[in-house]
Amino acid sequence: MNVTSASSALSEINRFVKSFDLDDALNTISSIEDLKKLLVDFDSPLSGSLIPLEQATRTPKILVDSGTTRLGIPWRTLQCPGGPIVLQMICEKVNFALWIEEC
């Protein structure tokens, strides 16, 4: 991933986190279909998948940033070695990862 695409991925991830800082919609997601619909409604280029809690809490190799939304949803951004920047969030019903697909 080049610097420009990493920067735009990080900007999009930050926009997503800030937009849902006080929105409980993330805690209503219970399936991959719910996640995909939320991304379409949000008009986001991010792709996503549901992940197990073990993956969402495993110590990352490269942690970029982390925090908790004002509603208490933990999130972190990771740099995958040789891969994309990924946002992981731990919500009430599911945990998920979001990233921008490279061509």
Protein backbone atom coordinates (compact mmCIF):
# COMPACT_ATOMS: atom_id res chain seq x y z
CA MET A 1 0.00 0.00 0.00
CA ASN A 2 1.49 3.34 -1.01
CA VAL A 3 1.51 6.43 1.20
CA THR A 4 -1.35 8.14 -0.66
CA SER A 5 -3.70 5.17 -0.43
CA ALA A 6 -2.72 4.55 3.22
CA SER A 7 -3.46 8.20 3.98
CA SER A 8 -6.85 8.11 2.24
CA ALA A 9 -7.72 4.80 3.98
CA LEU A 10 -6.84 6.32 7.35
CA SER A 11 -8.92 9.43 6.55
CA GLU A 12 -11.93 7.28 5.64
CA ILE A 13 -11.55 5.16 8.77
CA ASN A 14 -11.30 8.31 10.92
CA ARG A 15 -14.42 9.72 9.22
CA PHE A 16 -16.28 6.49 9.99
CA VAL A 17 -15.23 6.44 13.67
CA LYS A 18 -16.10 10.13 14.17
CA SER A 19 -19.47 9.77 12.44
CA PHE A 20 -20.53 6.95 14.74
CA ASP A 21 -19.01 8.38 17.94
CA LEU A 22 -22.46 9.18 19.41
CA ASP A 23 -24.55 6.88 17.20
CA ASP A 24 -25.73 3.55 18.61
CA ALA A 25 -26.28 2.09 15.11
CA LEU A 26 -23.09 0.03 15.41
CA ASN A 27 -24.55 -1.84 18.39
CA THR A 28 -27.57 -2.87 16.31
CA ILE A 29 -25.46 -4.73 13.73
CA SER A 30 -26.02 -8.47 14.07
CA SER A 31 -24.99 -9.86 10.65
CA ILE A 32 -22.71 -9.22 7.70
CA GLU A 33 -25.77 -8.01 5.78
CA ASP A 34 -26.42 -5.37 8.48
CA LEU A 35 -22.79 -4.24 8.23
CA LYS A 36 -22.89 -4.03 4.43
CA LYS A 37 -26.15 -2.03 4.55
CA LEU A 38 -24.65 0.39 7.08
CA LEU A 39 -21.62 0.93 4.81
CA VAL A 40 -23.88 1.54 1.77
CA ASP A 41 -26.10 3.95 3.74
CA PHE A 42 -22.96 5.72 4.99
CA ASP A 43 -21.73 5.99 1.37
CA SER A 44 -18.39 4.50 2.36
CA PRO A 45 -15.74 2.84 0.18
CA LEU A 46 -14.87 0.58 3.12
CA SER A 47 -15.28 -3.19 2.89
CA GLY A 48 -15.94 -5.27 5.96
CA SER A 49 -16.21 -8.63 7.61
CA LEU A 50 -17.33 -9.98 10.95
CA ILE A 51 -14.46 -11.19 13.14
CA PRO A 52 -14.26 -13.30 16.30
CA LEU A 53 -13.56 -11.58 19.62
CA GLU A 54 -10.19 -13.36 19.80
CA GLN A 55 -9.07 -11.63 16.60
CA ALA A 56 -10.48 -8.26 17.70
CA THR A 57 -8.51 -8.38 20.95
CA ARG A 58 -5.27 -10.07 19.83
CA THR A 59 -2.15 -7.93 20.24
CA PRO A 60 -1.56 -6.26 16.87
CA LYS A 61 1.81 -6.24 15.14
CA ILE A 62 1.45 -2.56 14.17
CA LEU A 63 -1.08 -0.49 16.12
CA VAL A 64 -1.80 2.85 14.42
CA ASP A 65 -4.43 4.25 16.81
CA SER A 66 -7.09 3.12 19.25
CA GLY A 67 -9.83 4.45 21.45
CA THR A 68 -13.42 4.16 22.56
CA THR A 69 -16.41 5.98 21.13
CA ARG A 70 -18.41 8.15 23.51
CA LEU A 71 -20.94 5.29 23.64
CA GLY A 72 -18.22 2.91 24.83
CA ILE A 73 -17.45 0.99 21.62
CA PRO A 74 -13.76 0.01 21.56
CA TRP A 75 -11.96 0.52 18.24
CA ARG A 76 -8.44 0.30 16.91
CA THR A 77 -6.69 0.82 13.60
CA LEU A 78 -3.96 -1.59 12.58
CA GLN A 79 -1.43 -1.64 9.78
CA CYS A 80 -1.26 -5.14 8.36
CA PRO A 81 2.33 -5.89 7.27
CA GLY A 82 2.31 -5.55 3.50
CA GLY A 83 -1.45 -4.99 3.54
CA PRO A 84 -4.18 -2.49 4.26
CA ILE A 85 -4.93 -0.33 7.25
CA VAL A 86 -7.79 -2.01 9.11
CA LEU A 87 -10.33 -0.69 11.61
CA GLN A 88 -11.57 -3.19 14.18
CA MET A 89 -14.55 -2.50 16.42
CA ILE A 90 -16.05 -4.52 19.28
CA CYS A 91 -19.82 -3.93 19.40
CA GLU A 92 -22.60 -5.44 21.55
CA LYS A 93 -23.70 -8.12 19.07
CA VAL A 94 -20.75 -8.57 16.70
CA ASN A 95 -17.16 -7.52 16.13
CA PHE A 96 -16.04 -6.38 12.72
CA ALA A 97 -13.09 -5.24 10.64
CA LEU A 98 -13.24 -2.56 7.92
CA TRP A 99 -10.69 -1.66 5.26
CA ILE A 100 -10.43 -0.21 1.75
CA GLU A 101 -10.01 -2.85 -0.97
CA GLU A 102 -6.97 -2.32 -3.18
CA CYS A 103 -7.28 -3.02 -6.91
